[in-house]
PDB file of all heavy atoms in Angstrom:
ATOM      1  N   ALA A   1      -7.255  20.310  -3.500  1.00  0.00           N
ATOM      2  CA  ALA A   1      -8.442  20.257  -4.360  1.00  0.00           C
ATOM      3  C   ALA A   1      -8.004  20.040  -5.806  1.00  0.00           C
ATOM      4  O   ALA A   1      -7.028  20.655  -6.261  1.00  0.00           O
ATOM      5  CB  ALA A   1      -9.232  21.554  -4.241  1.00  0.00           C
ATOM      6  N   ARG A   2      -8.717  19.160  -6.516  1.00  0.00           N
ATOM      7  CA  ARG A   2      -8.406  18.929  -7.926  1.00  0.00           C
ATOM      8  C   ARG A   2      -9.352  19.742  -8.793  1.00  0.00           C
ATOM      9  O   ARG A   2     -10.574  19.687  -8.627  1.00  0.00           O
ATOM     10  CB  ARG A   2      -8.509  17.449  -8.293  1.00  0.00           C
ATOM     11  CG  ARG A   2      -8.075  17.198  -9.751  1.00  0.00           C
ATOM     12  CD  ARG A   2      -7.951  15.739 -10.107  1.00  0.00           C
ATOM     13  NE  ARG A   2      -9.117  15.000  -9.692  1.00  0.00           N
ATOM     14  CZ  ARG A   2      -9.083  13.733  -9.271  1.00  0.00           C
ATOM     15  NH1 ARG A   2      -7.948  13.079  -9.199  1.00  0.00           N
ATOM     16  NH2 ARG A   2     -10.185  13.121  -8.924  1.00  0.00           N
ATOM     17  N   LEU A   3      -8.776  20.478  -9.728  1.00  0.00           N
ATOM     18  CA  LEU A   3      -9.544  21.288 -10.666  1.00  0.00           C
ATOM     19  C   LEU A   3     -10.023  20.426 -11.833  1.00  0.00           C
ATOM     20  O   LEU A   3      -9.498  19.338 -12.080  1.00  0.00           O
ATOM     21  CB  LEU A   3      -8.673  22.442 -11.189  1.00  0.00           C
ATOM     22  CG  LEU A   3      -8.078  23.354 -10.117  1.00  0.00           C
ATOM     23  CD1 LEU A   3      -7.069  24.324 -10.739  1.00  0.00           C
ATOM     24  CD2 LEU A   3      -9.187  24.112  -9.397  1.00  0.00           C
ATOM     25  N   ALA A   4     -10.989  20.940 -12.567  1.00  0.00           N
ATOM     26  CA  ALA A   4     -11.547  20.210 -13.704  1.00  0.00           C
ATOM     27  C   ALA A   4     -10.480  19.895 -14.758  1.00  0.00           C
ATOM     28  O   ALA A   4     -10.564  18.867 -15.435  1.00  0.00           O
ATOM     29  CB  ALA A   4     -12.688  21.013 -14.330  1.00  0.00           C
ATOM     30  N   ASP A   5      -9.451  20.756 -14.891  1.00  0.00           N
ATOM     31  CA  ASP A   5      -8.395  20.524 -15.884  1.00  0.00           C
ATOM     32  C   ASP A   5      -7.292  19.590 -15.374  1.00  0.00           C
ATOM     33  O   ASP A   5      -6.293  19.373 -16.051  1.00  0.00           O
ATOM     34  CB  ASP A   5      -7.805  21.850 -16.363  1.00  0.00           C
ATOM     35  CG  ASP A   5      -6.987  22.574 -15.291  1.00  0.00           C
ATOM     36  OD1 ASP A   5      -6.844  22.055 -14.160  1.00  0.00           O
ATOM     37  OD2 ASP A   5      -6.493  23.678 -15.585  1.00  0.00           O
ATOM     38  N   GLY A   6      -7.460  19.032 -14.165  1.00  0.00           N
ATOM     39  CA  GLY A   6      -6.483  18.108 -13.612  1.00  0.00           C
ATOM     40  C   GLY A   6      -5.429  18.766 -12.734  1.00  0.00           C
ATOM     41  O   GLY A   6      -4.632  18.071 -12.103  1.00  0.00           O
ATOM     42  N   GLY A   7      -5.427  20.084 -12.667  1.00  0.00           N
ATOM     43  CA  GLY A   7      -4.489  20.786 -11.798  1.00  0.00           C
ATOM     44  C   GLY A   7      -4.892  20.632 -10.340  1.00  0.00           C
ATOM     45  O   GLY A   7      -6.068  20.451 -10.029  1.00  0.00           O
ATOM     46  N   LEU A   8      -3.908  20.700  -9.456  1.00  0.00           N
ATOM     47  CA  LEU A   8      -4.163  20.594  -8.022  1.00  0.00           C
ATOM     48  C   LEU A   8      -3.906  21.928  -7.337  1.00  0.00           C
ATOM     49  O   LEU A   8      -2.937  22.622  -7.652  1.00  0.00           O
ATOM     50  CB  LEU A   8      -3.267  19.532  -7.390  1.00  0.00           C
ATOM     51  CG  LEU A   8      -3.419  18.106  -7.914  1.00  0.00           C
ATOM     52  CD1 LEU A   8      -2.422  17.183  -7.219  1.00  0.00           C
ATOM     53  CD2 LEU A   8      -4.832  17.593  -7.735  1.00  0.00           C
ATOM     54  N   VAL A   9      -4.779  22.270  -6.399  1.00  0.00           N
ATOM     55  CA  VAL A   9      -4.613  23.450  -5.554  1.00  0.00           C
ATOM     56  C   VAL A   9      -4.207  22.921  -4.182  1.00  0.00           C
ATOM     57  O   VAL A   9      -4.980  22.226  -3.517  1.00  0.00           O
ATOM     58  CB  VAL A   9      -5.922  24.265  -5.450  1.00  0.00           C
ATOM     59  CG1 VAL A   9      -5.734  25.450  -4.515  1.00  0.00           C
ATOM     60  CG2 VAL A   9      -6.388  24.716  -6.833  1.00  0.00           C
ATOM     61  N   VAL A  10      -2.984  23.232  -3.763  1.00  0.00           N
ATOM     62  CA  VAL A  10      -2.443  22.760  -2.492  1.00  0.00           C
ATOM     63  C   VAL A  10      -2.581  23.891  -1.479  1.00  0.00           C
ATOM     64  O   VAL A  10      -1.960  24.938  -1.622  1.00  0.00           O
ATOM     65  CB  VAL A  10      -0.973  22.320  -2.633  1.00  0.00           C
ATOM     66  CG1 VAL A  10      -0.410  21.878  -1.301  1.00  0.00           C
ATOM     67  CG2 VAL A  10      -0.856  21.210  -3.678  1.00  0.00           C
ATOM     68  N   TYR A  11      -3.398  23.675  -0.465  1.00  0.00           N
ATOM     69  CA  TYR A  11      -3.735  24.674   0.536  1.00  0.00           C
ATOM     70  C   TYR A  11      -3.023  24.344   1.839  1.00  0.00           C
ATOM     71  O   TYR A  11      -3.217  23.274   2.399  1.00  0.00           O
ATOM     72  CB  TYR A  11      -5.255  24.661   0.715  1.00  0.00           C
ATOM     73  CG  TYR A  11      -5.826  25.621   1.720  1.00  0.00           C
ATOM     74  CD1 TYR A  11      -6.358  26.837   1.317  1.00  0.00           C
ATOM     75  CD2 TYR A  11      -5.872  25.302   3.064  1.00  0.00           C
ATOM     76  CE1 TYR A  11      -6.913  27.717   2.233  1.00  0.00           C
ATOM     77  CE2 TYR A  11      -6.423  26.174   3.992  1.00  0.00           C
ATOM     78  CZ  TYR A  11      -6.936  27.376   3.571  1.00  0.00           C
ATOM     79  OH  TYR A  11      -7.483  28.244   4.483  1.00  0.00           O
ATOM     80  N   SER A  12      -2.155  25.250   2.294  1.00  0.00           N
ATOM     81  CA  SER A  12      -1.395  25.080   3.533  1.00  0.00           C
ATOM     82  C   SER A  12      -0.504  23.836   3.444  1.00  0.00           C
ATOM     83  O   SER A  12      -0.672  22.859   4.172  1.00  0.00           O
ATOM     84  CB  SER A  12      -2.315  25.006   4.761  1.00  0.00           C
ATOM     85  OG  SER A  12      -1.574  25.196   5.937  1.00  0.00           O
ATOM     86  N   ALA A  13       0.479  23.904   2.560  1.00  0.00           N
ATOM     87  CA  ALA A  13       1.332  22.769   2.209  1.00  0.00           C
ATOM     88  C   ALA A  13       2.067  22.158   3.398  1.00  0.00           C
ATOM     89  O   ALA A  13       2.513  22.869   4.301  1.00  0.00           O
ATOM     90  CB  ALA A  13       2.343  23.195   1.158  1.00  0.00           C
ATOM     91  N   ILE A  14       2.183  20.838   3.356  1.00  0.00           N
ATOM     92  CA  ILE A  14       2.976  20.052   4.307  1.00  0.00           C
ATOM     93  C   ILE A  14       3.878  19.134   3.483  1.00  0.00           C
ATOM     94  O   ILE A  14       3.411  18.465   2.562  1.00  0.00           O
ATOM     95  CB  ILE A  14       2.081  19.184   5.215  1.00  0.00           C
ATOM     96  CG1 ILE A  14       1.197  20.034   6.120  1.00  0.00           C
ATOM     97  CG2 ILE A  14       2.930  18.233   6.060  1.00  0.00           C
ATOM     98  CD1 ILE A  14       0.219  19.220   6.965  1.00  0.00           C
ATOM     99  N   ALA A  15       5.164  19.093   3.813  1.00  0.00           N
ATOM    100  CA  ALA A  15       6.079  18.156   3.163  1.00  0.00           C
ATOM    101  C   ALA A  15       5.729  16.742   3.616  1.00  0.00           C
ATOM    102  O   ALA A  15       5.733  16.456   4.808  1.00  0.00           O
ATOM    103  CB  ALA A  15       7.522  18.487   3.518  1.00  0.00           C
ATOM    104  N   LEU A  16       5.393  15.887   2.664  1.00  0.00           N
ATOM    105  CA  LEU A  16       5.014  14.502   2.970  1.00  0.00           C
ATOM    106  C   LEU A  16       6.145  13.556   2.604  1.00  0.00           C
ATOM    107  O   LEU A  16       7.031  13.897   1.812  1.00  0.00           O
ATOM    108  CB  LEU A  16       3.759  14.123   2.190  1.00  0.00           C
ATOM    109  CG  LEU A  16       2.524  15.006   2.392  1.00  0.00           C
ATOM    110  CD1 LEU A  16       1.390  14.534   1.504  1.00  0.00           C
ATOM    111  CD2 LEU A  16       2.108  15.033   3.852  1.00  0.00           C
ATOM    112  N   ASP A  17       6.090  12.338   3.137  1.00  0.00           N
ATOM    113  CA  ASP A  17       7.085  11.335   2.761  1.00  0.00           C
ATOM    114  C   ASP A  17       6.877  10.954   1.295  1.00  0.00           C
ATOM    115  O   ASP A  17       5.865  11.289   0.680  1.00  0.00           O
ATOM    116  CB  ASP A  17       7.044  10.128   3.700  1.00  0.00           C
ATOM    117  CG  ASP A  17       5.723   9.362   3.672  1.00  0.00           C
ATOM    118  OD1 ASP A  17       5.074   9.265   2.604  1.00  0.00           O
ATOM    119  OD2 ASP A  17       5.327   8.847   4.727  1.00  0.00           O
ATOM    120  N   GLU A  18       7.856  10.252   0.741  1.00  0.00           N
ATOM    121  CA  GLU A  18       7.825   9.965  -0.704  1.00  0.00           C
ATOM    122  C   GLU A  18       6.630   9.107  -1.123  1.00  0.00           C
ATOM    123  O   GLU A  18       6.081   9.290  -2.210  1.00  0.00           O
ATOM    124  CB  GLU A  18       9.148   9.346  -1.162  1.00  0.00           C
ATOM    125  CG  GLU A  18      10.302  10.331  -1.144  1.00  0.00           C
ATOM    126  CD  GLU A  18      10.023  11.628  -1.917  1.00  0.00           C
ATOM    127  OE1 GLU A  18       9.498  11.571  -3.041  1.00  0.00           O
ATOM    128  OE2 GLU A  18      10.335  12.712  -1.381  1.00  0.00           O
ATOM    129  N   ALA A  19       6.189   8.197  -0.283  1.00  0.00           N
ATOM    130  CA  ALA A  19       5.032   7.359  -0.626  1.00  0.00           C
ATOM    131  C   ALA A  19       3.769   8.224  -0.757  1.00  0.00           C
ATOM    132  O   ALA A  19       2.996   8.062  -1.715  1.00  0.00           O
ATOM    133  CB  ALA A  19       4.821   6.267   0.419  1.00  0.00           C
ATOM    134  N   GLN A  20       3.569   9.146   0.180  1.00  0.00           N
ATOM    135  CA  GLN A  20       2.389  10.013   0.118  1.00  0.00           C
ATOM    136  C   GLN A  20       2.515  11.042  -0.998  1.00  0.00           C
ATOM    137  O   GLN A  20       1.523  11.399  -1.636  1.00  0.00           O
ATOM    138  CB  GLN A  20       2.149  10.699   1.470  1.00  0.00           C
ATOM    139  CG  GLN A  20       1.734   9.753   2.573  1.00  0.00           C
ATOM    140  CD  GLN A  20       0.480   8.971   2.199  1.00  0.00           C
ATOM    141  OE1 GLN A  20      -0.574   9.535   1.960  1.00  0.00           O
ATOM    142  NE2 GLN A  20       0.607   7.659   2.145  1.00  0.00           N
ATOM    143  N   MET A  21       3.733  11.507  -1.272  1.00  0.00           N
ATOM    144  CA  MET A  21       3.931  12.446  -2.383  1.00  0.00           C
ATOM    145  C   MET A  21       3.641  11.750  -3.713  1.00  0.00           C
ATOM    146  O   MET A  21       3.077  12.364  -4.618  1.00  0.00           O
ATOM    147  CB  MET A  21       5.342  13.038  -2.365  1.00  0.00           C
ATOM    148  CG  MET A  21       5.579  14.034  -1.238  1.00  0.00           C
ATOM    149  SD  MET A  21       4.374  15.405  -1.146  1.00  0.00           S
ATOM    150  CE  MET A  21       4.673  16.232  -2.709  1.00  0.00           C
ATOM    151  N   ALA A  22       4.003  10.482  -3.826  1.00  0.00           N
ATOM    152  CA  ALA A  22       3.704   9.733  -5.051  1.00  0.00           C
ATOM    153  C   ALA A  22       2.190   9.620  -5.238  1.00  0.00           C
ATOM    154  O   ALA A  22       1.678   9.768  -6.360  1.00  0.00           O
ATOM    155  CB  ALA A  22       4.354   8.359  -5.010  1.00  0.00           C
ATOM    156  N   ARG A  23       1.453   9.363  -4.144  1.00  0.00           N
ATOM    157  CA  ARG A  23      -0.015   9.325  -4.224  1.00  0.00           C
ATOM    158  C   ARG A  23      -0.556  10.670  -4.677  1.00  0.00           C
ATOM    159  O   ARG A  23      -1.449  10.740  -5.525  1.00  0.00           O
ATOM    160  CB  ARG A  23      -0.619   8.971  -2.864  1.00  0.00           C
ATOM    161  CG  ARG A  23      -0.532   7.516  -2.492  1.00  0.00           C
ATOM    162  CD  ARG A  23      -1.341   7.191  -1.260  1.00  0.00           C
ATOM    163  NE  ARG A  23      -2.761   7.460  -1.470  1.00  0.00           N
ATOM    164  CZ  ARG A  23      -3.609   7.735  -0.492  1.00  0.00           C
ATOM    165  NH1 ARG A  23      -3.216   7.787   0.766  1.00  0.00           N
ATOM    166  NH2 ARG A  23      -4.875   7.979  -0.753  1.00  0.00           N
ATOM    167  N   LEU A  24      -0.017  11.732  -4.105  1.00  0.00           N
ATOM    168  CA  LEU A  24      -0.462  13.077  -4.452  1.00  0.00           C
ATOM    169  C   LEU A  24      -0.149  13.400  -5.909  1.00  0.00           C
ATOM    170  O   LEU A  24      -0.995  13.916  -6.642  1.00  0.00           O
ATOM    171  CB  LEU A  24       0.212  14.083  -3.511  1.00  0.00           C
ATOM    172  CG  LEU A  24      -0.326  15.491  -3.485  1.00  0.00           C
ATOM    173  CD1 LEU A  24      -1.811  15.533  -3.198  1.00  0.00           C
ATOM    174  CD2 LEU A  24       0.423  16.309  -2.443  1.00  0.00           C
ATOM    175  N   ASP A  25       1.054  13.073  -6.347  1.00  0.00           N
ATOM    176  CA  ASP A  25       1.429  13.298  -7.746  1.00  0.00           C
ATOM    177  C   ASP A  25       0.503  12.537  -8.694  1.00  0.00           C
ATOM    178  O   ASP A  25       0.233  12.999  -9.806  1.00  0.00           O
ATOM    179  CB  ASP A  25       2.879  12.883  -7.996  1.00  0.00           C
ATOM    180  CG  ASP A  25       3.883  13.886  -7.452  1.00  0.00           C
ATOM    181  OD1 ASP A  25       3.573  15.098  -7.408  1.00  0.00           O
ATOM    182  OD2 ASP A  25       4.991  13.459  -7.057  1.00  0.00           O
ATOM    183  N   GLY A  26       0.014  11.387  -8.266  1.00  0.00           N
ATOM    184  CA  GLY A  26      -0.895  10.599  -9.088  1.00  0.00           C
ATOM    185  C   GLY A  26      -2.282  11.209  -9.236  1.00  0.00           C
ATOM    186  O   GLY A  26      -3.064  10.798 -10.105  1.00  0.00           O
ATOM    187  N   LEU A  27      -2.605  12.187  -8.406  1.00  0.00           N
ATOM    188  CA  LEU A  27      -3.926  12.833  -8.473  1.00  0.00           C
ATOM    189  C   LEU A  27      -4.006  13.901  -9.548  1.00  0.00           C
ATOM    190  O   LEU A  27      -5.098  14.265  -9.982  1.00  0.00           O
ATOM    191  CB  LEU A  27      -4.287  13.454  -7.118  1.00  0.00           C
ATOM    192  CG  LEU A  27      -4.424  12.488  -5.947  1.00  0.00           C
ATOM    193  CD1 LEU A  27      -4.675  13.264  -4.663  1.00  0.00           C
ATOM    194  CD2 LEU A  27      -5.550  11.493  -6.202  1.00  0.00           C
ATOM    195  N   GLY A  28      -2.878  14.448  -9.956  1.00  0.00           N
ATOM    196  CA  GLY A  28      -2.877  15.512 -10.958  1.00  0.00           C
ATOM    197  C   GLY A  28      -1.577  16.290 -10.904  1.00  0.00           C
ATOM    198  O   GLY A  28      -0.653  15.947 -10.180  1.00  0.00           O
ATOM    199  N   ARG A  29      -1.518  17.376 -11.686  1.00  0.00           N
ATOM    200  CA  ARG A  29      -0.310  18.201 -11.700  1.00  0.00           C
ATOM    201  C   ARG A  29      -0.435  19.319 -10.670  1.00  0.00           C
ATOM    202  O   ARG A  29      -1.521  19.846 -10.439  1.00  0.00           O
ATOM    203  CB  ARG A  29      -0.055  18.776 -13.094  1.00  0.00           C
ATOM    204  CG  ARG A  29      -1.066  19.771 -13.530  1.00  0.00           C
ATOM    205  CD  ARG A  29      -0.776  20.398 -14.892  1.00  0.00           C
ATOM    206  NE  ARG A  29      -1.973  21.060 -15.372  1.00  0.00           N
ATOM    207  CZ  ARG A  29      -2.468  22.171 -14.852  1.00  0.00           C
ATOM    208  NH1 ARG A  29      -1.865  22.755 -13.848  1.00  0.00           N
ATOM    209  NH2 ARG A  29      -3.573  22.700 -15.334  1.00  0.00           N
ATOM    210  N   MET A  30       0.662  19.676 -10.075  1.00  0.00           N
ATOM    211  CA  MET A  30       0.673  20.740  -9.067  1.00  0.00           C
ATOM    212  C   MET A  30       0.491  22.080  -9.774  1.00  0.00           C
ATOM    213  O   MET A  30       1.358  22.511 -10.534  1.00  0.00           O
ATOM    214  CB  MET A  30       1.979  20.728  -8.274  1.00  0.00           C
ATOM    215  CG  MET A  30       2.249  19.424  -7.568  1.00  0.00           C
ATOM    216  SD  MET A  30       0.944  19.001  -6.399  1.00  0.00           S
ATOM    217  CE  MET A  30       1.331  17.295  -6.103  1.00  0.00           C
ATOM    218  N   ALA A  31      -0.642  22.745  -9.548  1.00  0.00           N
ATOM    219  CA  ALA A  31      -0.954  23.991 -10.247  1.00  0.00           C
ATOM    220  C   ALA A  31      -0.834  25.222  -9.350  1.00  0.00           C
ATOM    221  O   ALA A  31      -0.254  26.226  -9.741  1.00  0.00           O
ATOM    222  CB  ALA A  31      -2.360  23.911 -10.837  1.00  0.00           C
ATOM    223  N   TRP A  32      -1.424  25.158  -8.154  1.00  0.00           N
ATOM    224  CA  TRP A  32      -1.455  26.311  -7.252  1.00  0.00           C
ATOM    225  C   TRP A  32      -0.973  25.929  -5.862  1.00  0.00           C
ATOM    226  O   TRP A  32      -1.373  24.904  -5.320  1.00  0.00           O
ATOM    227  CB  TRP A  32      -2.869  26.867  -7.130  1.00  0.00           C
ATOM    228  CG  TRP A  32      -3.290  27.675  -8.309  1.00  0.00           C
ATOM    229  CD1 TRP A  32      -3.955  27.206  -9.412  1.00  0.00           C
ATOM    230  CD2 TRP A  32      -3.085  29.074  -8.510  1.00  0.00           C
ATOM    231  NE1 TRP A  32      -4.168  28.246 -10.282  1.00  0.00           N
ATOM    232  CE2 TRP A  32      -3.654  29.404  -9.749  1.00  0.00           C
ATOM    233  CE3 TRP A  32      -2.491  30.078  -7.745  1.00  0.00           C
ATOM    234  CZ2 TRP A  32      -3.637  30.696 -10.259  1.00  0.00           C
ATOM    235  CZ3 TRP A  32      -2.465  31.364  -8.244  1.00  0.00           C
ATOM    236  CH2 TRP A  32      -3.035  31.661  -9.488  1.00  0.00           C
ATOM    237  N   LEU A  33      -0.168  26.796  -5.271  1.00  0.00           N
ATOM    238  CA  LEU A  33       0.263  26.686  -3.882  1.00  0.00           C
ATOM    239  C   LEU A  33      -0.388  27.843  -3.138  1.00  0.00           C
ATOM    240  O   LEU A  33      -0.139  29.008  -3.450  1.00  0.00           O
ATOM    241  CB  LEU A  33       1.786  26.784  -3.795  1.00  0.00           C
ATOM    242  CG  LEU A  33       2.412  26.745  -2.403  1.00  0.00           C
ATOM    243  CD1 LEU A  33       2.141  25.416  -1.725  1.00  0.00           C
ATOM    244  CD2 LEU A  33       3.914  27.003  -2.510  1.00  0.00           C
TER     245      LEU A  33
END
């Protein structure tokens, strides 16, 4: 979930390949695990 301040809340994390991690990184900054 992306927060209003651009932070991301990652719920039940899964290690993704680098292409998908790059997409995820493009959505915002990792704020909460």
